[in-house]
Protein backbone atom coordinates (compact mmCIF):
# COMPACT_ATOMS: atom_id res chain seq x y z
CA MET A 1 278.81 29.35 121.20
CA GLU A 2 280.39 32.78 120.81
CA PRO A 3 280.39 34.85 124.02
CA ASN A 4 276.61 34.94 124.40
CA VAL A 5 274.90 32.43 122.06
CA VAL A 6 273.19 29.29 123.42
CA PHE A 7 271.82 26.46 121.27
CA VAL A 8 269.22 24.22 122.88
CA TYR A 9 268.48 20.78 121.45
CA LYS A 10 265.47 18.85 122.72
CA VAL A 11 266.43 15.22 123.34
CA GLU A 12 263.41 13.10 122.44
CA THR A 13 265.08 9.70 122.19
CA GLN A 14 266.90 7.31 124.47
CA GLN A 15 268.97 6.07 121.53
CA TYR A 16 272.37 7.63 120.92
CA VAL A 17 272.50 10.23 118.15
CA THR A 18 274.90 11.17 115.34
CA VAL A 19 275.68 14.40 113.52
CA SER A 20 273.28 13.24 110.80
CA ASP A 21 270.52 12.95 113.38
CA LEU A 22 271.08 16.53 114.50
CA ASN A 23 270.91 17.67 110.87
CA GLU A 24 267.79 15.72 109.96
CA LYS A 25 265.59 15.66 113.04
CA GLY A 26 265.18 17.13 116.46
CA GLU A 27 263.94 20.46 117.74
CA TRP A 28 266.44 23.32 117.98
CA GLN A 29 266.16 26.74 119.59
CA THR A 30 268.67 29.59 119.74
CA PHE A 31 269.04 32.09 122.58
CA GLU A 32 271.23 35.09 123.25
CA LEU A 33 272.42 35.69 126.79
CA LEU A 34 272.09 39.16 128.23
CA HIS A 35 275.22 40.68 129.70
CA GLU A 36 274.10 39.93 133.22
CA ASP A 37 273.23 36.30 132.44
CA ASN A 38 275.58 33.41 133.10
CA PHE A 39 275.56 30.21 131.02
CA GLU A 40 275.79 27.94 134.06
CA THR A 41 272.58 29.35 135.50
CA PHE A 42 270.78 29.98 132.18
CA ASN A 43 267.34 28.34 131.90
CA HIS A 44 265.90 28.26 128.39
CA GLU A 45 262.37 27.76 129.74
CA GLU A 46 262.57 31.19 131.34
CA SER A 47 263.84 32.91 128.18
CA HIS A 48 262.54 33.65 124.71
CA PRO A 49 264.25 32.03 121.69
CA LEU A 50 265.36 34.07 118.72
CA GLU A 51 262.88 34.30 115.87
CA GLY A 52 263.69 35.22 112.28
CA ARG A 53 267.40 35.07 112.92
CA GLY A 54 269.88 32.24 113.37
CA TYR A 55 273.52 31.19 113.46
CA CYS A 56 275.53 28.74 111.39
CA ILE A 57 277.12 25.80 113.21
CA THR A 58 280.21 24.04 111.84
CA LEU A 59 280.33 20.25 111.60
CA ASN A 60 283.13 20.19 114.17
CA ASP A 61 280.93 22.07 116.63
CA LYS A 62 277.99 19.77 115.90
CA ASN A 63 280.22 16.79 116.60
CA ARG A 64 281.13 18.31 119.97
CA MET A 65 277.41 18.75 120.64
CA VAL A 66 276.75 15.10 119.71
CA GLU A 67 279.27 13.94 122.31
CA GLU A 68 277.65 16.17 124.94
CA ILE A 69 274.13 14.99 124.10
CA ASN A 70 275.13 11.32 124.07
CA GLN A 71 276.81 11.68 127.44
CA HIS A 72 273.54 13.02 128.87
CA ILE A 73 271.61 10.14 127.27
CA GLN A 74 274.00 7.61 128.77
CA ASN A 75 273.78 9.25 132.20
CA TYR A 76 269.99 9.08 131.94
CA ARG A 77 270.12 5.41 131.01
CA HIS A 78 272.32 4.59 133.98
CA LEU A 79 270.40 6.71 136.49
CA GLN A 80 266.95 5.54 135.41
CA PRO A 81 267.34 2.05 133.94
CA SER A 82 263.67 1.29 134.46
CA LEU A 83 262.73 4.15 132.14
CA ALA A 84 265.51 3.84 129.60
CA ARG A 85 265.52 1.66 126.49
CA THR A 86 261.79 1.81 125.86
CA VAL A 87 262.15 -0.11 122.59
CA GLU A 88 264.15 -3.00 124.02
CA GLU A 89 262.57 -2.94 127.47
CA GLY A 90 262.75 -6.31 129.11
CA TYR A 91 265.03 -7.94 126.53
CA SER A 92 266.22 -11.37 127.58
CA ALA A 93 269.50 -11.55 125.60
CA VAL A 94 272.04 -9.40 123.80
CA HIS A 95 273.40 -10.40 120.40
CA ILE A 96 276.53 -8.67 119.04
CA VAL A 97 278.03 -9.03 115.57
CA SER A 98 280.81 -7.18 113.72
CA SER A 99 278.55 -6.10 110.87
CA GLU A 100 275.58 -3.78 110.64
CA SER A 101 274.03 -5.82 107.81
CA ALA A 102 274.32 -9.03 109.84
CA ALA A 103 272.78 -7.20 112.80
CA GLY A 104 269.80 -6.36 110.61
CA SER A 105 269.34 -10.03 109.72
CA LEU A 106 269.53 -11.02 113.39
CA ARG A 107 266.90 -8.41 114.30
CA VAL A 108 264.56 -9.88 111.72
CA GLY A 109 265.29 -13.55 112.36
CA LEU A 110 265.49 -13.83 116.14
CA GLU A 111 262.42 -13.72 118.32
CA ARG A 112 261.78 -10.90 120.73
CA PRO A 113 262.63 -9.77 123.31
CA LYS A 114 266.29 -9.26 122.41
CA LEU A 115 268.81 -6.49 121.79
CA VAL A 116 271.07 -6.67 118.72
CA ILE A 117 274.23 -4.57 118.45
CA GLY A 118 276.03 -4.36 115.12
CA PHE A 119 279.57 -3.01 115.21
CA PRO A 120 279.89 -0.48 112.34
CA ASP A 121 283.39 -1.36 111.20
CA SER A 122 285.44 -3.67 109.03
CA PHE A 123 288.20 -5.03 111.23
CA SER A 124 290.09 -6.80 108.46
CA ILE A 125 291.44 -3.44 107.28
CA GLY A 126 292.98 -0.42 108.96
CA PRO A 127 295.22 -0.20 112.03
CA LEU A 128 294.25 -1.95 115.27
CA TRP A 129 296.96 -0.33 117.35
CA ARG A 130 295.53 0.45 120.82
CA LEU A 131 292.02 0.39 119.38
CA ASP A 132 290.52 -0.17 122.83
CA GLU A 133 291.87 3.27 123.80
CA GLU A 134 290.94 6.75 122.55
CA ALA A 135 294.41 7.29 121.05
CA GLY A 136 294.09 4.14 118.95
CA GLN A 137 290.56 5.04 117.87
CA ARG A 138 291.75 8.45 116.66
CA PHE A 139 294.67 6.82 114.85
CA ARG A 140 292.36 4.34 113.09
CA LYS A 141 289.84 7.05 112.19
CA GLU A 142 292.55 9.20 110.61
CA TRP A 143 293.89 6.28 108.57
CA LEU A 144 290.43 5.38 107.30
CA TYR A 145 289.65 9.00 106.38
CA GLU A 146 292.93 9.28 104.49
CA HIS A 147 292.72 5.98 102.60
CA ILE A 148 289.19 4.53 102.44
CA ASN A 149 286.56 6.19 100.28
CA ASP A 150 283.35 4.71 101.69
CA GLU A 151 281.22 7.78 100.92
CA GLN A 152 280.09 8.25 104.52
CA ASP A 153 279.11 11.66 105.86
CA ASP A 154 281.67 13.49 107.97
CA PHE A 155 281.81 12.13 111.54
CA LYS A 156 279.35 9.30 110.76
CA TYR A 157 281.96 6.59 111.37
CA GLU A 158 283.29 8.34 114.46
CA ASN A 159 279.81 8.82 115.97
CA LYS A 160 278.65 5.27 115.27
CA PHE A 161 281.85 3.74 116.62
CA ALA A 162 281.58 5.74 119.86
CA ASN A 163 277.86 4.97 120.18
CA THR A 164 278.46 1.24 119.77
CA LEU A 165 281.03 1.34 122.56
CA ARG A 166 278.39 3.04 124.71
CA GLU A 167 275.81 0.37 123.82
CA ILE A 168 278.23 -2.35 124.90
CA GLU A 169 279.08 -0.50 128.10
CA ASP A 170 275.35 -0.18 128.89
CA ILE A 171 274.64 -3.93 128.75
CA PRO A 172 273.26 -4.96 132.17
CA GLY A 173 275.14 -7.67 133.99
CA GLN A 174 272.35 -10.22 134.24
CA VAL A 175 271.58 -10.95 130.57
CA PRO A 176 273.39 -13.52 128.43
CA ILE A 177 275.51 -12.20 125.55
CA TYR A 178 275.80 -13.99 122.20
CA ILE A 179 278.64 -13.00 119.87
CA TRP A 180 278.10 -14.01 116.24
CA TYR A 181 281.03 -14.40 113.85
CA GLY A 182 282.09 -16.31 110.76
CA ASN A 183 285.39 -17.64 109.51
CA ASN A 184 286.57 -14.40 107.95
CA PRO A 185 289.08 -11.75 109.09
CA ASP A 186 286.44 -9.08 109.82
CA GLU A 187 284.41 -11.09 112.29
CA GLN A 188 287.28 -13.12 113.76
CA THR A 189 289.12 -9.89 114.60
CA GLY A 190 285.89 -8.34 115.84
CA LEU A 191 285.30 -11.35 118.10
CA ARG A 192 288.56 -10.74 119.93
CA PHE A 193 287.95 -7.00 120.18
CA LEU A 194 284.43 -7.51 121.53
CA LEU A 195 285.55 -10.03 124.13
CA PHE A 196 288.21 -7.57 125.29
CA LEU A 197 285.60 -4.79 125.58
CA LEU A 198 283.43 -7.17 127.64
CA ARG A 199 286.30 -8.29 129.88
CA ASN A 200 284.86 -6.69 133.03
CA LYS A 201 281.29 -7.87 132.43
CA PRO A 202 280.01 -10.70 134.64
CA ASN A 203 277.59 -11.92 131.93
CA ASP A 204 277.67 -15.40 130.48
CA ILE A 205 279.04 -15.10 126.94
CA PHE A 206 278.17 -17.58 124.20
CA LEU A 207 280.04 -17.85 120.90
CA MET A 208 278.05 -18.44 117.71
CA ASN A 209 280.35 -19.44 114.84
CA SER A 210 277.92 -18.94 111.98
CA THR A 211 280.20 -20.61 109.41
CA GLU A 212 280.51 -23.85 111.36
CA LEU A 213 276.87 -23.84 112.51
CA TYR A 214 275.64 -23.33 108.94
CA GLU A 215 277.70 -26.25 107.72
CA ARG A 216 276.48 -28.44 110.58
CA TYR A 217 272.77 -27.68 110.53
CA ILE A 218 271.91 -26.19 107.13
CA THR A 219 274.11 -27.59 104.35
CA LYS A 220 277.68 -28.53 103.55
CA ASP A 221 277.14 -27.89 99.85
CA GLN A 222 277.21 -24.11 100.15
CA LEU A 223 280.14 -22.40 101.87
CA ILE A 224 279.20 -19.46 104.10
CA PHE A 225 281.95 -17.27 105.52
CA HIS A 226 280.04 -14.17 106.71
CA THR A 227 277.15 -14.04 109.16
CA GLY A 228 275.55 -11.37 106.97
CA HIS A 229 275.23 -13.89 104.11
CA ILE A 230 272.83 -16.08 106.09
CA GLU A 231 269.06 -15.67 105.75
CA PRO A 232 267.20 -14.48 108.88
CA THR A 233 265.17 -17.72 109.05
CA ASP A 234 268.38 -19.75 109.01
CA LEU A 235 269.91 -17.57 111.74
CA LYS A 236 266.88 -18.33 113.89
CA LEU A 237 267.40 -22.07 113.33
CA LEU A 238 271.11 -21.84 114.16
CA PHE A 239 270.34 -19.99 117.37
CA GLU A 240 267.75 -22.55 118.45
CA LYS A 241 270.16 -25.41 117.75
CA ASN A 242 273.07 -23.85 119.66
CA ARG A 243 271.48 -21.77 122.42
CA LYS A 244 271.81 -24.45 125.10
CA ASN A 245 275.54 -24.93 124.65
CA PRO A 246 277.64 -23.76 127.62
CA PRO A 247 279.18 -20.27 127.76
CA ILE A 248 282.89 -19.81 127.19
CA THR A 249 285.09 -20.45 130.17
CA GLU A 250 287.25 -17.95 132.01
CA GLN A 251 290.33 -19.61 130.53
CA GLU A 252 288.95 -19.15 127.02
CA ARG A 253 288.20 -15.50 127.71
CA ILE A 254 291.77 -14.95 128.92
CA GLN A 255 293.17 -16.57 125.78
CA PHE A 256 291.05 -14.32 123.54
CA HIS A 257 292.19 -11.30 125.56
CA ARG A 258 295.81 -12.27 124.98
CA GLU A 259 295.19 -12.61 121.27
CA TRP A 260 293.58 -9.17 121.18
CA ASN A 261 296.50 -7.63 123.08
CA THR A 262 298.81 -9.06 120.42
CA LEU A 263 296.66 -7.65 117.60
CA ALA A 264 296.49 -4.25 119.32
CA GLU A 265 300.28 -3.93 119.02
CA THR A 266 300.46 -4.69 115.30
CA LYS A 267 301.08 -2.17 112.52
CA GLU A 268 299.52 -3.98 109.54
CA VAL A 269 296.49 -2.46 107.82
CA LEU A 270 295.34 -5.67 106.10
CA ARG A 271 294.48 -8.98 107.74
CA LEU A 272 293.48 -12.41 106.40
CA TRP A 273 291.95 -15.48 108.06
CA MET A 274 294.37 -18.28 107.25
CA GLU A 275 294.80 -21.70 108.86
CA HIS A 276 292.48 -20.72 111.73
CA GLU A 277 294.52 -17.62 112.53
CA ILE A 278 294.37 -13.90 111.89
CA LYS A 279 297.45 -13.02 109.89
CA GLY A 280 298.63 -9.56 108.93
CA VAL A 281 299.91 -9.12 105.38
CA LYS A 282 301.40 -6.26 103.37
CA GLU A 283 298.87 -3.71 102.15
CA ASN A 284 299.78 -4.45 98.52
CA HIS A 285 298.88 -8.13 99.00
CA PHE A 286 295.96 -7.95 96.54
CA ASP A 287 297.69 -5.75 93.93
CA PRO A 288 298.74 -8.66 91.66
CA LEU A 289 295.16 -9.99 91.73
CA ILE A 290 293.83 -6.56 90.77
CA ILE A 291 296.26 -6.34 87.82
CA HIS A 292 295.38 -9.88 86.71
CA THR A 293 291.67 -9.09 86.83
CA ILE A 294 292.08 -5.93 84.74
CA GLU A 295 294.15 -7.89 82.22
CA MET A 296 291.41 -10.52 82.02
CA LEU A 297 288.72 -7.88 81.47
CA HIS A 298 290.88 -6.24 78.77
CA GLN A 299 291.03 -9.59 76.95
CA GLU A 300 287.23 -9.65 76.82
CA GLN A 301 287.19 -6.28 75.03
CA GLU A 302 287.47 -5.89 71.27
CA LYS A 303 289.86 -3.02 71.90
CA LYS A 304 291.72 -2.27 75.09
CA ASP A 305 289.66 0.40 76.82
CA TYR A 306 288.89 1.88 80.22
CA ILE A 307 286.95 -0.25 82.71
CA VAL A 308 284.70 1.02 85.50
CA VAL A 309 286.46 0.39 88.82
CA GLY A 310 283.26 -1.00 90.33
CA LYS A 311 283.25 -3.70 87.65
CA VAL A 312 286.86 -4.64 88.42
CA ILE A 313 286.08 -4.96 92.13
CA GLY A 314 282.85 -6.87 91.48
CA GLU A 315 284.74 -9.35 89.32
CA ILE A 316 287.32 -9.92 92.06
CA LEU A 317 284.71 -10.40 94.78
CA SER A 318 282.71 -12.85 92.65
CA ARG A 319 285.72 -15.08 92.10
CA THR A 320 287.13 -15.39 95.61
CA ASN A 321 286.09 -16.45 99.10
CA GLU A 322 288.85 -14.56 100.89
CA GLY A 323 286.49 -12.01 102.43
CA MET A 324 288.04 -8.99 100.74
CA ASN A 325 286.87 -5.49 101.55
CA ALA A 326 285.60 -3.70 98.42
CA PHE A 327 286.64 -0.27 99.70
CA PHE A 328 290.16 -1.50 100.45
CA LEU A 329 290.44 -2.84 96.90
CA GLU A 330 289.35 0.58 95.59
CA TYR A 331 292.06 2.18 97.74
CA ARG A 332 294.66 -0.13 96.21
CA ILE A 333 293.50 0.79 92.69
CA ARG A 334 293.83 4.49 93.55
CA ASP A 335 297.29 3.85 94.97
CA MET A 336 298.37 2.19 91.72
CA LEU A 337 296.96 5.15 89.81
CA TYR A 338 299.00 7.58 91.92
CA ARG A 339 302.13 5.51 91.33
CA GLY A 340 301.56 5.44 87.57
CA GLY A 341 300.69 1.79 87.15
CA LEU A 342 297.23 2.51 85.72
CA GLU A 343 295.64 5.14 83.51
CA LEU A 344 292.64 7.13 84.75
CA LYS A 345 289.45 8.42 83.18
CA GLY A 346 287.00 10.27 85.42
CA ILE A 347 287.13 11.49 89.00
CA PRO A 348 288.03 8.91 91.69
CA LYS A 349 285.43 10.02 94.23
CA SER A 350 283.84 6.55 94.32
CA MET A 351 284.33 3.21 92.58
CA ARG A 352 281.48 3.93 90.17
CA HIS A 353 282.73 7.39 89.15
CA TYR A 354 285.98 6.52 87.36
CA ARG A 355 287.57 4.04 84.99
CA VAL A 356 291.02 2.56 84.66
CA LYS A 357 293.12 0.62 82.21
CA LEU A 358 296.59 -0.84 82.18
CA ARG A 359 299.34 1.28 80.65
């Protein structure tokens, strides 16, 4: 940094890091190069760090550092596989799911040794165009930053997305891979994306449709559409019941790849799971439902008044099984505010910070 400033970060983990990790933990030292020193030959162990004086680092520069650090971690993993992954050393299977919350349930429910990867994204919303390429990932990130207010720290989504791709790339070729998904647009889209990312892996891949397995082995009286809605003990049972089924065939893989290639050329930013297919719809698809819900909540009031946006969204989610994304609904409410369809009270920095009512 600058002509002569060197920041040294001590890497003490074999897990990929984020900007938040650099802010919250890790040992930093700062050095100043002498005029005769050269960065390429600089050795921090032979120099003295600055004391009582420091430099400010922008978030953009920290994000560049994160990419550099993670590249070194990945190189270390690949060069010394026997030393890498201390926590998951010797795992016998890899489980992947398009939800971090569902990944947490799988970690609790399934017996060790195993590795669980949760994809930190909601694939029912946002563009999918060329998402398996860097250009598409940048395009999706920009759309999400401009439209979805999920209250994440800067670069958190970007770091976690890139780190998950690295985790998938690092999967050794000899372990079986289980992909968990339910009958909802998030996980069905994620299934196709994951299978495309794994297209060059020789591993056996097993598909775990949590919706169908829950209905078959747990109960038909309660409909489950998301893997994350299943208790860890039930996930363990579903895995035991289905683990001996054969892996998907090469023909099935090819068909899923074709379906992903079709999705990766679409322009829609909202997808539904309808009639066993992923279907793109207009982004204002849920607007009439939002208006109807606000009207219904107004009728419950003695006098028409402002309603907390979080309450509107909670009411919608409690009355439907369509697998809607709460943050996308909040975006649609903001869009209607900007267009003059709703009145505003408060600051729309999150769904709990402002209220709306019909004009």
